[in-house]
Amino acid sequence: MTTDVIPLGTASALPTEDRHLSSVAIERKGRVLLFDCGEGTQYRLMHADLSRVRVDAIFVTHLHGDHCYGLPGLLSTLALQQRRDPVTLVLPPGGRAMLDAFPGDAPDDLPFPLRIMEIGDDLSRSVVYETDEFTVEARPLDHRGFTMGFRFEERTRPGRFQPENARALGVPEGPAFGQLQEGESVITADGTTVRPEQVTGPPRPGISVAYVTDTRPCDGGRALADDADLLYHDATFADDHQERAKKTGHSTARQAATVARDAGAERLLLGHLSARYPDPTPLMREAQSVFSDAEIAEELRRYALDPRDKEPEPSAG
């Protein structure tokens, strides 16, 4: 089962004919997590063939309009669809007050539970959402005001059961196999104790995705990107506008690539692109001169990440 990353909007501040305002979806087992919710995000969900009613949580980096003005409309649509399942919102300071100001979108006005986590500006590192299978972590970034980046990470799974090893240790097939797969030791007919770790392969790491925008290169962004399978990073400008990037709290494509390289990320998607680049090819080339596995984030494309690709090769003997 893959985890799919779908950029919905990759524009910086101003939408263009080809790029929409900030939002990235992660779809896993039919459920959707949404990172930022710029104006028009609910339309982009439809265009990506993602069901709005399957959105379980929305993570907003900061309260600049191009990252959050789509939130009231999306919540209103979910209400009209008579959603009943809860929605979790992870918001920066002021996010709850913003929703209270929109008629019909205040938490008490909606027909479904709205679980709001408003993160304080003293954030250093926090797990802001978790299930039995994955976590979402937040860290502060370096923009013009308080801004968060996020990291989605699947939990490590136990190694695969190796029945041939169990048989070799005298474990009979049947219920004893099941006990070992559930993490319980068993005792064989000759009194030998067989532990689960004797008959399973190495632990299987899960997929990790970092969402780092809007920001200058910073420690928080590098920590979120550490060994990530996929890093989506602010690449608003080319390097010849480095001073403007610094002044406005953004990164250049080269800086994004440097973060990816130094953090040991596997793959880099360049996003939050300025409208001054109708053709973003120069940004891609600039990034690839530092980090070869860099590309422009393509809106509505599904970037499928398969945890099986991370599993070690079975031993030859």
Protein backbone atom coordinates (compact mmCIF):
# COMPACT_ATOMS: atom_id res chain seq x y z
CA MET A 1 0.00 0.00 0.00
CA THR A 2 1.59 3.26 -1.11
CA THR A 3 1.39 6.65 0.52
CA ASP A 4 0.66 9.29 -2.14
CA VAL A 5 1.81 12.91 -1.98
CA ILE A 6 -0.26 15.18 -4.24
CA PRO A 7 0.69 18.86 -4.66
CA LEU A 8 -2.55 20.79 -5.11
CA GLY A 9 -1.13 24.30 -5.28
CA THR A 10 2.50 25.36 -5.74
CA ALA A 11 2.25 29.14 -6.30
CA SER A 12 3.81 31.79 -4.12
CA ALA A 13 1.34 34.51 -3.03
CA LEU A 14 -0.20 35.01 -6.49
CA PRO A 15 -1.95 32.26 -8.45
CA THR A 16 -1.11 31.94 -12.13
CA GLU A 17 -2.79 30.17 -15.03
CA ASP A 18 -0.73 27.08 -14.28
CA ARG A 19 -0.16 27.26 -10.54
CA HIS A 20 -2.61 27.47 -7.66
CA LEU A 21 -2.29 28.61 -4.07
CA SER A 22 -0.52 26.55 -1.44
CA SER A 23 -1.76 23.12 -0.51
CA VAL A 24 -0.34 19.59 -0.48
CA ALA A 25 -2.34 16.43 0.23
CA ILE A 26 -1.12 13.12 1.58
CA GLU A 27 -3.43 10.19 0.87
CA ARG A 28 -2.93 6.98 2.80
CA LYS A 29 -5.34 4.04 2.87
CA GLY A 30 -8.08 6.22 1.41
CA ARG A 31 -7.80 8.96 4.06
CA VAL A 32 -6.40 12.43 3.42
CA LEU A 33 -4.18 14.82 5.36
CA LEU A 34 -4.02 18.37 4.05
CA PHE A 35 -1.04 20.68 4.50
CA ASP A 36 -2.08 24.31 4.04
CA CYS A 37 -5.36 25.31 2.49
CA GLY A 38 -4.99 28.26 0.13
CA GLU A 39 -7.92 29.75 -1.74
CA GLY A 40 -9.54 27.21 -4.06
CA THR A 41 -8.13 24.14 -2.32
CA GLN A 42 -11.49 22.36 -2.32
CA TYR A 43 -11.60 22.64 -6.12
CA ARG A 44 -8.09 21.21 -6.34
CA LEU A 45 -9.18 18.28 -4.19
CA MET A 46 -11.90 17.53 -6.74
CA HIS A 47 -9.47 17.85 -9.65
CA ALA A 48 -7.11 15.44 -7.89
CA ASP A 49 -9.97 12.94 -7.41
CA LEU A 50 -9.63 13.25 -3.64
CA SER A 51 -12.82 13.09 -1.61
CA ARG A 52 -13.28 16.13 0.62
CA VAL A 53 -15.18 14.06 3.16
CA ARG A 54 -12.10 11.87 3.62
CA VAL A 55 -10.00 14.77 4.91
CA ASP A 56 -9.17 13.86 8.52
CA ALA A 57 -6.79 16.67 9.44
CA ILE A 58 -5.60 20.03 8.10
CA PHE A 59 -2.24 21.54 9.07
CA VAL A 60 -1.77 25.27 8.47
CA THR A 61 1.76 26.63 8.46
CA HIS A 62 0.87 30.31 9.06
CA LEU A 63 -1.92 32.79 8.56
CA HIS A 64 -0.84 34.50 5.35
CA GLY A 65 -3.87 34.36 3.07
CA ASP A 66 -2.34 32.22 0.34
CA HIS A 67 -2.01 29.41 2.90
CA CYS A 68 -5.32 29.59 4.76
CA TYR A 69 -8.06 31.48 2.89
CA GLY A 70 -9.43 28.22 1.48
CA LEU A 71 -10.14 26.84 4.94
CA PRO A 72 -13.50 28.57 5.62
CA GLY A 73 -14.91 27.45 2.26
CA LEU A 74 -13.77 23.86 2.71
CA LEU A 75 -15.27 23.63 6.20
CA SER A 76 -18.53 25.15 4.92
CA THR A 77 -18.71 22.55 2.14
CA LEU A 78 -18.12 19.72 4.61
CA ALA A 79 -20.99 21.09 6.68
CA LEU A 80 -23.28 21.17 3.64
CA GLN A 81 -22.34 17.55 2.94
CA GLN A 82 -23.51 16.71 6.47
CA ARG A 83 -20.18 15.35 7.54
CA ARG A 84 -20.28 13.74 10.97
CA ASP A 85 -16.71 12.51 11.46
CA PRO A 86 -14.39 14.87 13.34
CA VAL A 87 -11.81 17.05 11.61
CA THR A 88 -8.57 18.02 13.32
CA LEU A 89 -7.13 21.47 12.63
CA VAL A 90 -3.56 22.31 13.61
CA LEU A 91 -3.31 26.10 13.48
CA PRO A 92 -0.85 28.85 14.37
CA PRO A 93 -1.77 31.51 16.95
CA GLY A 94 -4.87 33.41 15.87
CA GLY A 95 -6.29 30.54 13.83
CA ARG A 96 -9.27 29.91 16.10
CA ALA A 97 -10.16 33.61 16.13
CA MET A 98 -10.01 33.66 12.32
CA LEU A 99 -12.55 30.84 12.10
CA ASP A 100 -14.80 32.46 14.70
CA ALA A 101 -14.97 35.53 12.45
CA PHE A 102 -16.48 33.58 9.52
CA PRO A 103 -20.26 33.06 9.79
CA GLY A 104 -21.08 29.37 10.02
CA ASP A 105 -17.49 28.21 10.46
CA ALA A 106 -17.13 28.70 14.20
CA PRO A 107 -16.59 25.29 15.82
CA ASP A 108 -19.98 25.37 17.58
CA ASP A 109 -21.79 26.09 14.29
CA LEU A 110 -20.59 23.02 12.41
CA PRO A 111 -22.43 19.66 12.31
CA PHE A 112 -19.19 17.75 12.94
CA PRO A 113 -16.64 17.96 15.75
CA LEU A 114 -13.81 20.37 14.98
CA ARG A 115 -10.78 19.53 17.05
CA ILE A 116 -8.57 22.60 17.06
CA MET A 117 -4.97 22.52 18.22
CA GLU A 118 -3.62 26.07 18.24
CA ILE A 119 0.17 25.92 18.52
CA GLY A 120 1.89 28.56 20.63
CA ASP A 121 4.71 30.67 19.26
CA ASP A 122 7.02 29.00 21.80
CA LEU A 123 7.01 25.84 19.67
CA SER A 124 10.31 23.98 19.51
CA ARG A 125 9.17 20.50 18.49
CA SER A 126 5.85 18.76 18.98
CA VAL A 127 3.92 15.75 17.73
CA VAL A 128 0.65 17.43 16.75
CA TYR A 129 -1.25 14.46 15.31
CA GLU A 130 -0.85 10.72 15.63
CA THR A 131 -2.54 7.41 14.96
CA ASP A 132 -1.43 3.84 15.58
CA GLU A 133 0.33 3.92 12.20
CA PHE A 134 1.88 7.38 11.81
CA THR A 135 2.70 10.72 13.42
CA VAL A 136 2.82 14.33 12.27
CA GLU A 137 5.46 16.50 13.91
CA ALA A 138 5.70 20.30 13.84
CA ARG A 139 8.75 22.52 14.18
CA PRO A 140 9.18 26.29 13.83
CA LEU A 141 10.48 27.76 10.57
CA ASP A 142 12.02 31.16 9.76
CA HIS A 143 9.53 33.35 7.93
CA ARG A 144 8.33 36.90 8.56
CA GLY A 145 6.04 35.77 11.39
CA PHE A 146 5.39 32.58 13.29
CA THR A 147 5.39 29.68 10.81
CA MET A 148 5.47 25.90 11.24
CA GLY A 149 6.76 23.12 9.08
CA PHE A 150 5.54 19.54 9.34
CA ARG A 151 6.84 15.99 9.01
CA PHE A 152 4.59 13.00 8.31
CA GLU A 153 6.21 9.73 9.39
CA GLU A 154 4.91 6.18 9.42
CA ARG A 155 5.80 4.19 12.49
CA THR A 156 8.40 1.44 12.17
CA ARG A 157 6.80 -1.95 11.69
CA PRO A 158 8.10 -5.28 13.01
CA GLY A 159 10.23 -7.36 10.67
CA ARG A 160 8.62 -9.97 8.47
CA PHE A 161 7.96 -13.38 10.01
CA GLN A 162 10.38 -16.03 8.75
CA PRO A 163 8.58 -19.39 8.93
CA GLU A 164 11.63 -21.34 7.76
CA ASN A 165 13.59 -20.10 10.78
CA ALA A 166 10.72 -21.02 13.10
CA ARG A 167 10.57 -24.55 11.69
CA ALA A 168 14.34 -24.92 12.05
CA LEU A 169 14.01 -24.05 15.73
CA GLY A 170 11.37 -26.72 16.22
CA VAL A 171 8.26 -24.54 16.23
CA PRO A 172 5.26 -26.43 14.79
CA GLU A 173 3.03 -24.69 12.27
CA GLY A 174 -0.30 -23.53 13.61
CA PRO A 175 -1.11 -21.43 16.69
CA ALA A 176 2.55 -21.15 17.70
CA PHE A 177 3.33 -19.34 14.44
CA GLY A 178 0.58 -16.87 15.25
CA GLN A 179 1.93 -16.28 18.76
CA LEU A 180 5.36 -15.44 17.40
CA GLN A 181 3.87 -13.05 14.84
CA GLU A 182 1.98 -11.34 17.68
CA GLY A 183 5.26 -10.79 19.53
CA GLU A 184 4.93 -13.65 22.03
CA SER A 185 7.56 -16.25 22.83
CA VAL A 186 6.70 -19.95 22.49
CA ILE A 187 8.11 -23.10 24.05
CA THR A 188 8.83 -26.03 21.75
CA ALA A 189 8.25 -29.70 22.53
CA ASP A 190 11.80 -30.14 23.84
CA GLY A 191 11.42 -27.17 26.22
CA THR A 192 13.32 -24.59 24.15
CA THR A 193 12.04 -21.01 24.32
CA VAL A 194 11.85 -19.33 20.93
CA ARG A 195 11.61 -15.53 20.97
CA PRO A 196 9.95 -13.45 18.22
CA GLU A 197 13.20 -11.71 17.30
CA GLN A 198 14.72 -15.10 16.43
CA VAL A 199 12.20 -15.66 13.65
CA THR A 200 11.62 -12.18 12.22
CA GLY A 201 13.62 -10.02 9.89
CA PRO A 202 14.90 -6.53 10.73
CA PRO A 203 12.36 -3.80 11.60
CA ARG A 204 10.74 -2.19 8.57
CA PRO A 205 10.91 1.61 8.46
CA GLY A 206 7.94 3.57 7.19
CA ILE A 207 7.64 6.48 4.79
CA SER A 208 8.52 10.04 5.86
CA VAL A 209 7.49 13.28 4.12
CA ALA A 210 8.60 16.80 5.10
CA TYR A 211 6.59 19.94 4.25
CA VAL A 212 8.81 23.01 4.64
CA THR A 213 7.37 26.31 3.43
CA ASP A 214 7.42 29.42 3.77
CA THR A 215 10.89 29.82 5.20
CA ARG A 216 14.48 30.83 4.91
CA PRO A 217 16.85 27.87 5.31
CA CYS A 218 16.77 27.07 9.04
CA ASP A 219 17.46 24.41 11.66
CA GLY A 220 13.78 23.52 11.97
CA GLY A 221 13.47 22.83 8.27
CA ARG A 222 16.62 20.73 8.22
CA ALA A 223 15.42 18.68 11.19
CA LEU A 224 12.07 18.01 9.52
CA ALA A 225 13.86 16.96 6.33
CA ASP A 226 16.29 14.60 8.08
CA ASP A 227 16.49 11.40 6.00
CA ALA A 228 13.02 12.12 4.57
CA ASP A 229 11.86 10.03 1.63
CA LEU A 230 10.33 13.17 0.12
CA LEU A 231 10.96 16.81 0.96
CA TYR A 232 8.64 19.54 -0.32
CA HIS A 233 10.56 22.80 0.17
CA ASP A 234 10.06 26.49 -0.45
CA ALA A 235 11.91 27.49 -3.64
CA THR A 236 10.32 30.87 -4.27
CA PHE A 237 13.25 32.46 -6.09
CA ALA A 238 16.34 31.70 -8.14
CA ASP A 239 19.69 32.35 -6.54
CA ASP A 240 20.12 35.74 -8.24
CA HIS A 241 17.26 36.94 -6.00
CA GLN A 242 18.83 35.60 -2.82
CA GLU A 243 18.64 38.95 -1.04
CA ARG A 244 14.96 39.30 -1.85
CA ALA A 245 14.39 35.76 -0.60
CA LYS A 246 16.09 36.61 2.67
CA LYS A 247 14.14 39.86 3.05
CA THR A 248 10.76 38.23 2.43
CA GLY A 249 11.45 35.07 4.44
CA HIS A 250 11.79 32.58 1.62
CA SER A 251 14.37 30.27 0.04
CA THR A 252 15.99 30.01 -3.34
CA ALA A 253 16.00 26.77 -5.32
CA ARG A 254 19.69 26.32 -4.58
CA GLN A 255 19.10 26.79 -0.87
CA ALA A 256 16.28 24.25 -0.93
CA ALA A 257 18.59 21.76 -2.63
CA THR A 258 21.29 22.41 -0.06
CA VAL A 259 18.83 21.65 2.74
CA ALA A 260 17.84 18.40 0.99
CA ARG A 261 21.46 17.38 0.46
CA ASP A 262 22.60 18.21 3.99
CA ALA A 263 19.57 16.55 5.59
CA GLY A 264 20.03 13.33 3.63
CA ALA A 265 16.61 13.50 1.96
CA GLU A 266 15.94 11.02 -0.83
CA ARG A 267 13.98 13.32 -3.12
CA LEU A 268 13.16 17.03 -3.35
CA LEU A 269 10.07 18.74 -4.73
CA LEU A 270 10.46 22.47 -5.34
CA GLY A 271 7.33 24.44 -4.48
CA HIS A 272 5.95 27.86 -3.55
CA LEU A 273 7.24 29.27 -6.83
CA SER A 274 7.13 32.96 -7.61
CA ALA A 275 4.93 34.11 -10.49
CA ARG A 276 8.03 35.71 -12.01
CA TYR A 277 8.97 32.21 -13.28
CA PRO A 278 6.29 31.11 -15.78
CA ASP A 279 8.83 28.50 -16.87
CA PRO A 280 10.42 27.10 -13.69
CA THR A 281 13.10 25.13 -15.54
CA PRO A 282 15.91 27.47 -14.37
CA LEU A 283 14.89 26.79 -10.76
CA MET A 284 15.07 23.04 -11.37
CA ARG A 285 18.49 23.27 -13.02
CA GLU A 286 19.80 25.41 -10.22
CA ALA A 287 18.62 22.90 -7.61
CA GLN A 288 19.93 19.90 -9.55
CA SER A 289 23.41 21.42 -9.62
CA VAL A 290 23.43 20.80 -5.85
CA PHE A 291 21.05 17.86 -5.43
CA SER A 292 20.39 15.62 -8.41
CA ASP A 293 17.05 14.21 -7.19
CA ALA A 294 15.32 17.61 -7.33
CA GLU A 295 12.34 18.46 -9.50
CA ILE A 296 9.57 20.99 -9.77
CA ALA A 297 6.47 19.87 -7.87
CA GLU A 298 3.85 19.01 -10.47
CA GLU A 299 0.33 19.89 -9.42
CA LEU A 300 -2.15 17.00 -9.21
CA ARG A 301 0.56 14.42 -9.83
CA ARG A 302 0.62 11.51 -7.42
CA TYR A 303 4.07 10.90 -5.99
CA ALA A 304 3.67 7.33 -4.75
CA LEU A 305 5.93 6.27 -1.89
CA ASP A 306 6.06 2.56 -1.14
CA PRO A 307 7.45 1.44 2.23
CA ARG A 308 8.40 -1.88 0.66
CA ASP A 309 11.12 -0.04 -1.26
CA LYS A 310 12.83 0.64 2.08
CA GLU A 311 12.92 -2.97 3.23
CA PRO A 312 16.30 -4.71 3.22
CA GLU A 313 16.91 -7.33 0.61
CA PRO A 314 16.37 -10.87 1.92
CA SER A 315 19.60 -12.65 2.67
CA ALA A 316 20.80 -15.16 0.11
CA GLY A 317 21.21 -17.92 2.58
